[in-house]
Amino acid sequence: MFRYMNSTGERYAVYSWKLVNTDKLKEGQRDSQELRDMEKHILKDFDDSIKTRDAEHTTVG
């Protein structure tokens, strides 16, 4: 689990079964992006002043 707070003070958390790429999944666990990769992406977006949560749910119409 990785917790972070956006620029407006809202708290968020992201979860993954895998911490790094070499971690093995147990029976019944879904494959997902590694937690360290998600953390890097969120922190990079924070440095670039991108609202990660809003950017993921934005559509073009």
PDB file of N, CA and C in Angstrom:
ATOM      1  N   MET A   1       0.845  -1.166   0.000  1.00  0.00           N
ATOM      2  CA  MET A   1       0.000   0.000   0.000  1.00  0.00           C
ATOM      3  C   MET A   1       0.898   1.239   0.000  1.00  0.00           C
ATOM      4  N   PHE A   2       0.533   2.218  -0.812  1.00  0.00           N
ATOM      5  CA  PHE A   2       1.233   3.498  -0.843  1.00  0.00           C
ATOM      6  C   PHE A   2       0.193   4.584  -0.650  1.00  0.00           C
ATOM      7  N   ARG A   3       0.393   5.405   0.354  1.00  0.00           N
ATOM      8  CA  ARG A   3      -0.525   6.501   0.632  1.00  0.00           C
ATOM      9  C   ARG A   3       0.118   7.819   0.238  1.00  0.00           C
ATOM     10  N   TYR A   4      -0.724   8.718  -0.290  1.00  0.00           N
ATOM     11  CA  TYR A   4      -0.231  10.040  -0.648  1.00  0.00           C
ATOM     12  C   TYR A   4      -1.342  11.061  -0.488  1.00  0.00           C
ATOM     13  N   MET A   5      -0.956  12.318  -0.444  1.00  0.00           N
ATOM     14  CA  MET A   5      -1.896  13.413  -0.308  1.00  0.00           C
ATOM     15  C   MET A   5      -1.700  14.341  -1.497  1.00  0.00           C
ATOM     16  N   ASN A   6      -2.795  14.711  -2.159  1.00  0.00           N
ATOM     17  CA  ASN A   6      -2.660  15.599  -3.316  1.00  0.00           C
ATOM     18  C   ASN A   6      -2.517  17.047  -2.858  1.00  0.00           C
ATOM     19  N   SER A   7      -2.427  17.953  -3.805  1.00  0.00           N
ATOM     20  CA  SER A   7      -2.161  19.359  -3.500  1.00  0.00           C
ATOM     21  C   SER A   7      -3.310  20.036  -2.747  1.00  0.00           C
ATOM     22  N   THR A   8      -4.523  19.472  -2.837  1.00  0.00           N
ATOM     23  CA  THR A   8      -5.661  20.063  -2.128  1.00  0.00           C
ATOM     24  C   THR A   8      -5.876  19.432  -0.758  1.00  0.00           C
ATOM     25  N   GLY A   9      -5.026  18.480  -0.389  1.00  0.00           N
ATOM     26  CA  GLY A   9      -5.091  17.866   0.930  1.00  0.00           C
ATOM     27  C   GLY A   9      -5.914  16.594   0.998  1.00  0.00           C
ATOM     28  N   GLU A  10      -6.397  16.095  -0.146  1.00  0.00           N
ATOM     29  CA  GLU A  10      -7.150  14.851  -0.161  1.00  0.00           C
ATOM     30  C   GLU A  10      -6.181  13.672  -0.080  1.00  0.00           C
ATOM     31  N   ARG A  11      -6.536  12.670   0.713  1.00  0.00           N
ATOM     32  CA  ARG A  11      -5.670  11.513   0.898  1.00  0.00           C
ATOM     33  C   ARG A  11      -6.124  10.374  -0.009  1.00  0.00           C
ATOM     34  N   TYR A  12      -5.156   9.675  -0.585  1.00  0.00           N
ATOM     35  CA  TYR A  12      -5.423   8.547  -1.455  1.00  0.00           C
ATOM     36  C   TYR A  12      -4.471   7.417  -1.107  1.00  0.00           C
ATOM     37  N   ALA A  13      -4.849   6.217  -1.506  1.00  0.00           N
ATOM     38  CA  ALA A  13      -3.995   5.045  -1.318  1.00  0.00           C
ATOM     39  C   ALA A  13      -4.092   4.169  -2.556  1.00  0.00           C
ATOM     40  N   VAL A  14      -2.967   3.567  -2.942  1.00  0.00           N
ATOM     41  CA  VAL A  14      -2.939   2.601  -4.040  1.00  0.00           C
ATOM     42  C   VAL A  14      -2.396   1.290  -3.491  1.00  0.00           C
ATOM     43  N   TYR A  15      -2.870   0.194  -4.059  1.00  0.00           N
ATOM     44  CA  TYR A  15      -2.517  -1.131  -3.572  1.00  0.00           C
ATOM     45  C   TYR A  15      -2.021  -1.997  -4.713  1.00  0.00           C
ATOM     46  N   SER A  16      -1.176  -2.957  -4.388  1.00  0.00           N
ATOM     47  CA  SER A  16      -0.733  -3.949  -5.352  1.00  0.00           C
ATOM     48  C   SER A  16      -0.241  -5.169  -4.596  1.00  0.00           C
ATOM     49  N   TRP A  17      -0.429  -6.348  -5.205  1.00  0.00           N
ATOM     50  CA  TRP A  17       0.085  -7.574  -4.617  1.00  0.00           C
ATOM     51  C   TRP A  17       1.594  -7.663  -4.762  1.00  0.00           C
ATOM     52  N   LYS A  18       2.132  -6.981  -5.787  1.00  0.00           N
ATOM     53  CA  LYS A  18       3.566  -7.065  -6.059  1.00  0.00           C
ATOM     54  C   LYS A  18       4.248  -5.749  -5.691  1.00  0.00           C
ATOM     55  N   LEU A  19       5.320  -5.836  -4.929  1.00  0.00           N
ATOM     56  CA  LEU A  19       6.108  -4.658  -4.593  1.00  0.00           C
ATOM     57  C   LEU A  19       7.047  -4.314  -5.741  1.00  0.00           C
ATOM     58  N   VAL A  20       7.730  -5.325  -6.274  1.00  0.00           N
ATOM     59  CA  VAL A  20       8.641  -5.165  -7.405  1.00  0.00           C
ATOM     60  C   VAL A  20       8.314  -6.224  -8.449  1.00  0.00           C
ATOM     61  N   ASN A  21       8.914  -6.114  -9.614  1.00  0.00           N
ATOM     62  CA  ASN A  21       8.615  -6.999 -10.734  1.00  0.00           C
ATOM     63  C   ASN A  21       8.939  -8.468 -10.455  1.00  0.00           C
ATOM     64  N   THR A  22       9.912  -8.748  -9.613  1.00  0.00           N
ATOM     65  CA  THR A  22      10.344 -10.125  -9.376  1.00  0.00           C
ATOM     66  C   THR A  22       9.481 -10.870  -8.358  1.00  0.00           C
ATOM     67  N   ASP A  23       8.550 -10.197  -7.704  1.00  0.00           N
ATOM     68  CA  ASP A  23       7.683 -10.858  -6.724  1.00  0.00           C
ATOM     69  C   ASP A  23       6.754 -11.852  -7.412  1.00  0.00           C
ATOM     70  N   LYS A  24       6.555 -12.982  -6.788  1.00  0.00           N
ATOM     71  CA  LYS A  24       5.665 -14.029  -7.302  1.00  0.00           C
ATOM     72  C   LYS A  24       4.259 -13.813  -6.745  1.00  0.00           C
ATOM     73  N   LEU A  25       3.274 -14.124  -7.554  1.00  0.00           N
ATOM     74  CA  LEU A  25       1.886 -14.039  -7.115  1.00  0.00           C
ATOM     75  C   LEU A  25       1.435 -15.381  -6.559  1.00  0.00           C
ATOM     76  N   LYS A  26       0.600 -15.333  -5.537  1.00  0.00           N
ATOM     77  CA  LYS A  26       0.039 -16.554  -4.975  1.00  0.00           C
ATOM     78  C   LYS A  26      -1.212 -16.936  -5.769  1.00  0.00           C
ATOM     79  N   GLU A  27      -1.702 -18.110  -5.535  1.00  0.00           N
ATOM     80  CA  GLU A  27      -2.897 -18.612  -6.201  1.00  0.00           C
ATOM     81  C   GLU A  27      -4.077 -17.665  -5.947  1.00  0.00           C
ATOM     82  N   GLY A  28      -4.733 -17.238  -6.998  1.00  0.00           N
ATOM     83  CA  GLY A  28      -5.914 -16.388  -6.876  1.00  0.00           C
ATOM     84  C   GLY A  28      -5.636 -14.894  -6.895  1.00  0.00           C
ATOM     85  N   GLN A  29      -4.381 -14.474  -6.867  1.00  0.00           N
ATOM     86  CA  GLN A  29      -4.057 -13.051  -6.893  1.00  0.00           C
ATOM     87  C   GLN A  29      -3.974 -12.569  -8.335  1.00  0.00           C
ATOM     88  N   ARG A  30      -4.523 -11.396  -8.581  1.00  0.00           N
ATOM     89  CA  ARG A  30      -4.486 -10.815  -9.912  1.00  0.00           C
ATOM     90  C   ARG A  30      -3.145 -10.146 -10.166  1.00  0.00           C
ATOM     91  N   ASP A  31      -2.701 -10.250 -11.401  1.00  0.00           N
ATOM     92  CA  ASP A  31      -1.475  -9.563 -11.802  1.00  0.00           C
ATOM     93  C   ASP A  31      -1.795  -8.084 -11.990  1.00  0.00           C
ATOM     94  N   SER A  32      -0.968  -7.240 -11.460  1.00  0.00           N
ATOM     95  CA  SER A  32      -1.174  -5.796 -11.587  1.00  0.00           C
ATOM     96  C   SER A  32       0.180  -5.108 -11.667  1.00  0.00           C
ATOM     97  N   GLN A  33       0.132  -3.814 -11.834  1.00  0.00           N
ATOM     98  CA  GLN A  33       1.364  -3.029 -11.895  1.00  0.00           C
ATOM     99  C   GLN A  33       2.058  -3.098 -10.532  1.00  0.00           C
ATOM    100  N   GLU A  34       3.381  -3.070 -10.546  1.00  0.00           N
ATOM    101  CA  GLU A  34       4.144  -3.139  -9.302  1.00  0.00           C
ATOM    102  C   GLU A  34       3.940  -1.852  -8.502  1.00  0.00           C
ATOM    103  N   LEU A  35       3.928  -1.980  -7.190  1.00  0.00           N
ATOM    104  CA  LEU A  35       3.687  -0.844  -6.312  1.00  0.00           C
ATOM    105  C   LEU A  35       4.763   0.223  -6.460  1.00  0.00           C
ATOM    106  N   ARG A  36       6.025  -0.178  -6.602  1.00  0.00           N
ATOM    107  CA  ARG A  36       7.113   0.800  -6.757  1.00  0.00           C
ATOM    108  C   ARG A  36       6.957   1.611  -8.044  1.00  0.00           C
ATOM    109  N   ASP A  37       6.464   0.965  -9.128  1.00  0.00           N
ATOM    110  CA  ASP A  37       6.225   1.694 -10.373  1.00  0.00           C
ATOM    111  C   ASP A  37       5.092   2.705 -10.212  1.00  0.00           C
ATOM    112  N   MET A  38       4.026   2.294  -9.516  1.00  0.00           N
ATOM    113  CA  MET A  38       2.914   3.221  -9.266  1.00  0.00           C
ATOM    114  C   MET A  38       3.386   4.410  -8.433  1.00  0.00           C
ATOM    115  N   GLU A  39       4.206   4.118  -7.430  1.00  0.00           N
ATOM    116  CA  GLU A  39       4.731   5.168  -6.554  1.00  0.00           C
ATOM    117  C   GLU A  39       5.576   6.166  -7.348  1.00  0.00           C
ATOM    118  N   LYS A  40       6.451   5.666  -8.217  1.00  0.00           N
ATOM    119  CA  LYS A  40       7.287   6.540  -9.041  1.00  0.00           C
ATOM    120  C   LYS A  40       6.434   7.416  -9.949  1.00  0.00           C
ATOM    121  N   HIS A  41       5.406   6.821 -10.552  1.00  0.00           N
ATOM    122  CA  HIS A  41       4.515   7.557 -11.456  1.00  0.00           C
ATOM    123  C   HIS A  41       3.771   8.675 -10.706  1.00  0.00           C
ATOM    124  N   ILE A  42       3.262   8.368  -9.525  1.00  0.00           N
ATOM    125  CA  ILE A  42       2.536   9.362  -8.729  1.00  0.00           C
ATOM    126  C   ILE A  42       3.464  10.491  -8.301  1.00  0.00           C
ATOM    127  N   LEU A  43       4.669  10.165  -7.833  1.00  0.00           N
ATOM    128  CA  LEU A  43       5.605  11.198  -7.389  1.00  0.00           C
ATOM    129  C   LEU A  43       6.102  12.052  -8.552  1.00  0.00           C
ATOM    130  N   LYS A  44       6.279  11.459  -9.734  1.00  0.00           N
ATOM    131  CA  LYS A  44       6.672  12.227 -10.916  1.00  0.00           C
ATOM    132  C   LYS A  44       5.560  13.188 -11.315  1.00  0.00           C
ATOM    133  N   ASP A  45       4.318  12.707 -11.308  1.00  0.00           N
ATOM    134  CA  ASP A  45       3.187  13.572 -11.613  1.00  0.00           C
ATOM    135  C   ASP A  45       3.079  14.704 -10.596  1.00  0.00           C
ATOM    136  N   PHE A  46       3.347  14.403  -9.329  1.00  0.00           N
ATOM    137  CA  PHE A  46       3.296  15.427  -8.287  1.00  0.00           C
ATOM    138  C   PHE A  46       4.359  16.500  -8.546  1.00  0.00           C
ATOM    139  N   ASP A  47       5.568  16.088  -8.943  1.00  0.00           N
ATOM    140  CA  ASP A  47       6.634  17.042  -9.260  1.00  0.00           C
ATOM    141  C   ASP A  47       6.293  17.890 -10.476  1.00  0.00           C
ATOM    142  N   ASP A  48       5.560  17.301 -11.436  1.00  0.00           N
ATOM    143  CA  ASP A  48       5.171  18.012 -12.656  1.00  0.00           C
ATOM    144  C   ASP A  48       3.847  18.767 -12.503  1.00  0.00           C
ATOM    145  N   SER A  49       3.302  18.803 -11.298  1.00  0.00           N
ATOM    146  CA  SER A  49       2.032  19.480 -10.983  1.00  0.00           C
ATOM    147  C   SER A  49       0.856  18.898 -11.769  1.00  0.00           C
ATOM    148  N   ILE A  50       0.862  17.583 -11.939  1.00  0.00           N
ATOM    149  CA  ILE A  50      -0.247  16.887 -12.593  1.00  0.00           C
ATOM    150  C   ILE A  50      -1.081  16.227 -11.509  1.00  0.00           C
ATOM    151  N   LYS A  51      -2.385  16.413 -11.570  1.00  0.00           N
ATOM    152  CA  LYS A  51      -3.278  15.766 -10.613  1.00  0.00           C
ATOM    153  C   LYS A  51      -3.537  14.350 -11.107  1.00  0.00           C
ATOM    154  N   THR A  52      -2.795  13.391 -10.563  1.00  0.00           N
ATOM    155  CA  THR A  52      -2.808  12.008 -11.030  1.00  0.00           C
ATOM    156  C   THR A  52      -4.209  11.419 -11.032  1.00  0.00           C
ATOM    157  N   ARG A  53      -4.906  11.544  -9.943  1.00  0.00           N
ATOM    158  CA  ARG A  53      -6.242  10.933  -9.810  1.00  0.00           C
ATOM    159  C   ARG A  53      -7.209  11.516 -10.835  1.00  0.00           C
ATOM    160  N   ASP A  54      -7.182  12.836 -11.026  1.00  0.00           N
ATOM    161  CA  ASP A  54      -8.056  13.478 -12.001  1.00  0.00           C
ATOM    162  C   ASP A  54      -7.661  13.114 -13.427  1.00  0.00           C
ATOM    163  N   ALA A  55      -6.372  13.024 -13.689  1.00  0.00           N
ATOM    164  CA  ALA A  55      -5.894  12.711 -15.033  1.00  0.00           C
ATOM    165  C   ALA A  55      -6.286  11.296 -15.458  1.00  0.00           C
ATOM    166  N   GLU A  56      -6.363  10.370 -14.516  1.00  0.00           N
ATOM    167  CA  GLU A  56      -6.742   8.998 -14.834  1.00  0.00           C
ATOM    168  C   GLU A  56      -8.208   8.879 -15.226  1.00  0.00           C
ATOM    169  N   HIS A  57      -9.045   9.801 -14.757  1.00  0.00           N
ATOM    170  CA  HIS A  57     -10.490   9.708 -14.990  1.00  0.00           C
ATOM    171  C   HIS A  57     -10.998  10.769 -15.963  1.00  0.00           C
ATOM    172  N   THR A  58     -10.101  11.454 -16.655  1.00  0.00           N
ATOM    173  CA  THR A  58     -10.497  12.479 -17.602  1.00  0.00           C
ATOM    174  C   THR A  58     -10.758  11.844 -18.964  1.00  0.00           C
ATOM    175  N   THR A  59     -11.865  12.245 -19.579  1.00  0.00           N
ATOM    176  CA  THR A  59     -12.186  11.743 -20.911  1.00  0.00           C
ATOM    177  C   THR A  59     -12.239  12.908 -21.881  1.00  0.00           C
ATOM    178  N   VAL A  60     -12.070  12.603 -23.143  1.00  0.00           N
ATOM    179  CA  VAL A  60     -12.138  13.618 -24.181  1.00  0.00           C
ATOM    180  C   VAL A  60     -13.412  13.352 -24.967  1.00  0.00           C
ATOM    181  N   GLY A  61     -14.207  14.397 -25.093  1.00  0.00           N
ATOM    182  CA  GLY A  61     -15.481  14.179 -25.785  1.00  0.00           C
ATOM    183  C   GLY A  61     -15.771  15.208 -26.823  1.00  0.00           C
TER     184      GLY A  61
END
